[in-house]
Amino acid sequence: MEDGSSADFSYHKCMENYVKQKYPEVAESFIGKYFRKRRMEAALSASTEDGVEQR
């Protein structure tokens, strides 16, 4: 930002909010199918990169 403060921008959050506003009747199933899985996979791969699997 111009005043030196930082802004939290998340592409996935923006896309999730867009889907919720534009298609509220199917938003949750769409988000569950296409967005949440990738976050979980990213978290799992990050936790196993150091060679220790967390359960």
PDB file of N, CA and C in Angstrom:
ATOM      1  N   MET A   1       0.834  -1.180   0.000  1.00  0.00           N
ATOM      2  CA  MET A   1       0.000   0.000   0.000  1.00  0.00           C
ATOM      3  C   MET A   1       0.882   1.248   0.000  1.00  0.00           C
ATOM      4  N   GLU A   2       0.329   2.330  -0.383  1.00  0.00           N
ATOM      5  CA  GLU A   2       1.086   3.570  -0.504  1.00  0.00           C
ATOM      6  C   GLU A   2       1.554   4.124   0.840  1.00  0.00           C
ATOM      7  N   ASP A   3       0.822   3.846   1.897  1.00  0.00           N
ATOM      8  CA  ASP A   3       1.192   4.395   3.198  1.00  0.00           C
ATOM      9  C   ASP A   3       2.222   3.546   3.938  1.00  0.00           C
ATOM     10  N   GLY A   4       2.720   2.509   3.315  1.00  0.00           N
ATOM     11  CA  GLY A   4       3.747   1.668   3.919  1.00  0.00           C
ATOM     12  C   GLY A   4       3.208   0.457   4.658  1.00  0.00           C
ATOM     13  N   SER A   5       1.898   0.366   4.855  1.00  0.00           N
ATOM     14  CA  SER A   5       1.332  -0.796   5.529  1.00  0.00           C
ATOM     15  C   SER A   5       1.188  -1.938   4.526  1.00  0.00           C
ATOM     16  N   SER A   6       1.160  -3.139   5.035  1.00  0.00           N
ATOM     17  CA  SER A   6       1.017  -4.289   4.147  1.00  0.00           C
ATOM     18  C   SER A   6      -0.431  -4.746   4.127  1.00  0.00           C
ATOM     19  N   ALA A   7      -0.852  -5.327   3.025  1.00  0.00           N
ATOM     20  CA  ALA A   7      -2.205  -5.848   2.881  1.00  0.00           C
ATOM     21  C   ALA A   7      -2.120  -7.345   2.683  1.00  0.00           C
ATOM     22  N   ASP A   8      -3.019  -8.055   3.326  1.00  0.00           N
ATOM     23  CA  ASP A   8      -3.078  -9.502   3.179  1.00  0.00           C
ATOM     24  C   ASP A   8      -3.931  -9.813   1.963  1.00  0.00           C
ATOM     25  N   PHE A   9      -3.295 -10.275   0.897  1.00  0.00           N
ATOM     26  CA  PHE A   9      -4.020 -10.608  -0.314  1.00  0.00           C
ATOM     27  C   PHE A   9      -3.881 -12.096  -0.570  1.00  0.00           C
ATOM     28  N   SER A  10      -4.998 -12.743  -0.720  1.00  0.00           N
ATOM     29  CA  SER A  10      -4.999 -14.161  -1.025  1.00  0.00           C
ATOM     30  C   SER A  10      -5.870 -14.400  -2.249  1.00  0.00           C
ATOM     31  N   TYR A  11      -5.247 -14.875  -3.293  1.00  0.00           N
ATOM     32  CA  TYR A  11      -5.971 -15.176  -4.524  1.00  0.00           C
ATOM     33  C   TYR A  11      -7.093 -16.177  -4.268  1.00  0.00           C
ATOM     34  N   HIS A  12      -6.793 -17.199  -3.464  1.00  0.00           N
ATOM     35  CA  HIS A  12      -7.802 -18.222  -3.193  1.00  0.00           C
ATOM     36  C   HIS A  12      -8.976 -17.659  -2.403  1.00  0.00           C
ATOM     37  N   LYS A  13      -8.704 -16.781  -1.446  1.00  0.00           N
ATOM     38  CA  LYS A  13      -9.795 -16.156  -0.694  1.00  0.00           C
ATOM     39  C   LYS A  13     -10.671 -15.330  -1.623  1.00  0.00           C
ATOM     40  N   CYS A  14     -10.044 -14.589  -2.517  1.00  0.00           N
ATOM     41  CA  CYS A  14     -10.806 -13.778  -3.469  1.00  0.00           C
ATOM     42  C   CYS A  14     -11.678 -14.654  -4.352  1.00  0.00           C
ATOM     43  N   MET A  15     -11.118 -15.743  -4.836  1.00  0.00           N
ATOM     44  CA  MET A  15     -11.879 -16.637  -5.701  1.00  0.00           C
ATOM     45  C   MET A  15     -13.021 -17.309  -4.936  1.00  0.00           C
ATOM     46  N   GLU A  16     -12.756 -17.721  -3.708  1.00  0.00           N
ATOM     47  CA  GLU A  16     -13.809 -18.328  -2.899  1.00  0.00           C
ATOM     48  C   GLU A  16     -14.949 -17.348  -2.668  1.00  0.00           C
ATOM     49  N   ASN A  17     -14.625 -16.112  -2.331  1.00  0.00           N
ATOM     50  CA  ASN A  17     -15.662 -15.109  -2.108  1.00  0.00           C
ATOM     51  C   ASN A  17     -16.444 -14.810  -3.377  1.00  0.00           C
ATOM     52  N   TYR A  18     -15.772 -14.770  -4.504  1.00  0.00           N
ATOM     53  CA  TYR A  18     -16.453 -14.549  -5.782  1.00  0.00           C
ATOM     54  C   TYR A  18     -17.453 -15.673  -6.057  1.00  0.00           C
ATOM     55  N   VAL A  19     -17.015 -16.899  -5.872  1.00  0.00           N
ATOM     56  CA  VAL A  19     -17.900 -18.044  -6.119  1.00  0.00           C
ATOM     57  C   VAL A  19     -19.090 -18.003  -5.168  1.00  0.00           C
ATOM     58  N   LYS A  20     -18.848 -17.670  -3.901  1.00  0.00           N
ATOM     59  CA  LYS A  20     -19.942 -17.597  -2.922  1.00  0.00           C
ATOM     60  C   LYS A  20     -20.960 -16.530  -3.291  1.00  0.00           C
ATOM     61  N   GLN A  21     -20.497 -15.399  -3.796  1.00  0.00           N
ATOM     62  CA  GLN A  21     -21.413 -14.318  -4.164  1.00  0.00           C
ATOM     63  C   GLN A  21     -22.136 -14.602  -5.475  1.00  0.00           C
ATOM     64  N   LYS A  22     -21.427 -15.131  -6.436  1.00  0.00           N
ATOM     65  CA  LYS A  22     -21.984 -15.332  -7.772  1.00  0.00           C
ATOM     66  C   LYS A  22     -22.868 -16.579  -7.857  1.00  0.00           C
ATOM     67  N   TYR A  23     -22.481 -17.643  -7.153  1.00  0.00           N
ATOM     68  CA  TYR A  23     -23.187 -18.928  -7.222  1.00  0.00           C
ATOM     69  C   TYR A  23     -23.428 -19.488  -5.820  1.00  0.00           C
ATOM     70  N   PRO A  24     -24.226 -18.822  -5.011  1.00  0.00           N
ATOM     71  CA  PRO A  24     -24.388 -19.242  -3.608  1.00  0.00           C
ATOM     72  C   PRO A  24     -24.961 -20.647  -3.431  1.00  0.00           C
ATOM     73  N   GLU A  25     -25.785 -21.088  -4.378  1.00  0.00           N
ATOM     74  CA  GLU A  25     -26.430 -22.398  -4.214  1.00  0.00           C
ATOM     75  C   GLU A  25     -25.475 -23.569  -4.398  1.00  0.00           C
ATOM     76  N   VAL A  26     -24.385 -23.384  -5.103  1.00  0.00           N
ATOM     77  CA  VAL A  26     -23.431 -24.477  -5.325  1.00  0.00           C
ATOM     78  C   VAL A  26     -22.028 -24.146  -4.814  1.00  0.00           C
ATOM     79  N   ALA A  27     -21.889 -23.012  -4.163  1.00  0.00           N
ATOM     80  CA  ALA A  27     -20.560 -22.528  -3.764  1.00  0.00           C
ATOM     81  C   ALA A  27     -19.819 -23.505  -2.858  1.00  0.00           C
ATOM     82  N   GLU A  28     -20.460 -23.992  -1.824  1.00  0.00           N
ATOM     83  CA  GLU A  28     -19.761 -24.846  -0.866  1.00  0.00           C
ATOM     84  C   GLU A  28     -19.255 -26.136  -1.501  1.00  0.00           C
ATOM     85  N   SER A  29     -20.056 -26.764  -2.329  1.00  0.00           N
ATOM     86  CA  SER A  29     -19.594 -28.001  -2.962  1.00  0.00           C
ATOM     87  C   SER A  29     -18.470 -27.716  -3.959  1.00  0.00           C
ATOM     88  N   PHE A  30     -18.573 -26.607  -4.683  1.00  0.00           N
ATOM     89  CA  PHE A  30     -17.526 -26.227  -5.641  1.00  0.00           C
ATOM     90  C   PHE A  30     -16.214 -25.932  -4.921  1.00  0.00           C
ATOM     91  N   ILE A  31     -16.295 -25.150  -3.859  1.00  0.00           N
ATOM     92  CA  ILE A  31     -15.100 -24.797  -3.092  1.00  0.00           C
ATOM     93  C   ILE A  31     -14.489 -26.049  -2.470  1.00  0.00           C
ATOM     94  N   GLY A  32     -15.338 -26.903  -1.931  1.00  0.00           N
ATOM     95  CA  GLY A  32     -14.839 -28.141  -1.342  1.00  0.00           C
ATOM     96  C   GLY A  32     -14.144 -29.031  -2.352  1.00  0.00           C
ATOM     97  N   LYS A  33     -14.639 -29.021  -3.559  1.00  0.00           N
ATOM     98  CA  LYS A  33     -14.067 -29.871  -4.598  1.00  0.00           C
ATOM     99  C   LYS A  33     -12.794 -29.296  -5.197  1.00  0.00           C
ATOM    100  N   TYR A  34     -12.748 -27.985  -5.407  1.00  0.00           N
ATOM    101  CA  TYR A  34     -11.642 -27.396  -6.163  1.00  0.00           C
ATOM    102  C   TYR A  34     -10.642 -26.574  -5.363  1.00  0.00           C
ATOM    103  N   PHE A  35     -11.001 -26.092  -4.178  1.00  0.00           N
ATOM    104  CA  PHE A  35     -10.087 -25.236  -3.427  1.00  0.00           C
ATOM    105  C   PHE A  35      -9.519 -25.898  -2.176  1.00  0.00           C
ATOM    106  N   ARG A  36     -10.329 -26.456  -1.360  1.00  0.00           N
ATOM    107  CA  ARG A  36      -9.871 -26.966  -0.070  1.00  0.00           C
ATOM    108  C   ARG A  36      -8.853 -28.092  -0.209  1.00  0.00           C
ATOM    109  N   LYS A  37      -9.033 -28.955  -1.189  1.00  0.00           N
ATOM    110  CA  LYS A  37      -8.124 -30.085  -1.376  1.00  0.00           C
ATOM    111  C   LYS A  37      -6.699 -29.603  -1.617  1.00  0.00           C
ATOM    112  N   ARG A  38      -6.553 -28.594  -2.422  1.00  0.00           N
ATOM    113  CA  ARG A  38      -5.217 -28.081  -2.728  1.00  0.00           C
ATOM    114  C   ARG A  38      -4.550 -27.498  -1.498  1.00  0.00           C
ATOM    115  N   ARG A  39      -5.307 -26.832  -0.676  1.00  0.00           N
ATOM    116  CA  ARG A  39      -4.736 -26.294   0.560  1.00  0.00           C
ATOM    117  C   ARG A  39      -4.246 -27.425   1.449  1.00  0.00           C
ATOM    118  N   MET A  40      -5.030 -28.479   1.558  1.00  0.00           N
ATOM    119  CA  MET A  40      -4.656 -29.610   2.399  1.00  0.00           C
ATOM    120  C   MET A  40      -3.412 -30.284   1.830  1.00  0.00           C
ATOM    121  N   GLU A  41      -3.367 -30.470   0.528  1.00  0.00           N
ATOM    122  CA  GLU A  41      -2.191 -31.079  -0.087  1.00  0.00           C
ATOM    123  C   GLU A  41      -0.954 -30.215   0.128  1.00  0.00           C
ATOM    124  N   ALA A  42      -1.102 -28.910   0.044  1.00  0.00           N
ATOM    125  CA  ALA A  42       0.027 -28.002   0.265  1.00  0.00           C
ATOM    126  C   ALA A  42       0.503 -28.094   1.708  1.00  0.00           C
ATOM    127  N   ALA A  43      -0.420 -28.173   2.640  1.00  0.00           N
ATOM    128  CA  ALA A  43      -0.057 -28.283   4.049  1.00  0.00           C
ATOM    129  C   ALA A  43       0.646 -29.611   4.323  1.00  0.00           C
ATOM    130  N   LEU A  44       0.154 -30.668   3.708  1.00  0.00           N
ATOM    131  CA  LEU A  44       0.779 -31.972   3.904  1.00  0.00           C
ATOM    132  C   LEU A  44       2.177 -32.010   3.305  1.00  0.00           C
ATOM    133  N   SER A  45       2.339 -31.464   2.121  1.00  0.00           N
ATOM    134  CA  SER A  45       3.658 -31.484   1.499  1.00  0.00           C
ATOM    135  C   SER A  45       4.632 -30.607   2.274  1.00  0.00           C
ATOM    136  N   ALA A  46       4.163 -29.509   2.829  1.00  0.00           N
ATOM    137  CA  ALA A  46       5.027 -28.638   3.622  1.00  0.00           C
ATOM    138  C   ALA A  46       5.444 -29.329   4.915  1.00  0.00           C
ATOM    139  N   SER A  47       4.544 -30.103   5.514  1.00  0.00           N
ATOM    140  CA  SER A  47       4.870 -30.766   6.771  1.00  0.00           C
ATOM    141  C   SER A  47       5.782 -31.963   6.571  1.00  0.00           C
ATOM    142  N   THR A  48       5.813 -32.535   5.351  1.00  0.00           N
ATOM    143  CA  THR A  48       6.659 -33.696   5.108  1.00  0.00           C
ATOM    144  C   THR A  48       7.952 -33.352   4.402  1.00  0.00           C
ATOM    145  N   GLU A  49       8.156 -32.079   4.054  1.00  0.00           N
ATOM    146  CA  GLU A  49       9.391 -31.695   3.365  1.00  0.00           C
ATOM    147  C   GLU A  49      10.622 -31.910   4.211  1.00  0.00           C
ATOM    148  N   ASP A  50      10.472 -31.784   5.520  1.00  0.00           N
ATOM    149  CA  ASP A  50      11.632 -31.966   6.388  1.00  0.00           C
ATOM    150  C   ASP A  50      11.875 -33.436   6.731  1.00  0.00           C
ATOM    151  N   GLY A  51      11.072 -34.324   6.139  1.00  0.00           N
ATOM    152  CA  GLY A  51      11.274 -35.753   6.331  1.00  0.00           C
ATOM    153  C   GLY A  51      10.499 -36.326   7.511  1.00  0.00           C
ATOM    154  N   VAL A  52       9.792 -35.496   8.230  1.00  0.00           N
ATOM    155  CA  VAL A  52       9.013 -35.966   9.363  1.00  0.00           C
ATOM    156  C   VAL A  52       7.547 -35.810   9.023  1.00  0.00           C
ATOM    157  N   GLU A  53       6.843 -36.926   9.035  1.00  0.00           N
ATOM    158  CA  GLU A  53       5.413 -36.873   8.719  1.00  0.00           C
ATOM    159  C   GLU A  53       4.629 -36.597   9.983  1.00  0.00           C
ATOM    160  N   GLN A  54       3.790 -35.581   9.931  1.00  0.00           N
ATOM    161  CA  GLN A  54       2.956 -35.232  11.083  1.00  0.00           C
ATOM    162  C   GLN A  54       1.591 -35.800  10.874  1.00  0.00           C
ATOM    163  N   ARG A  55       1.015 -36.375  11.908  1.00  0.00           N
ATOM    164  CA  ARG A  55      -0.332 -36.968  11.813  1.00  0.00           C
ATOM    165  C   ARG A  55      -1.307 -36.241  12.679  1.00  0.00           C
TER     166      ARG A  55
END
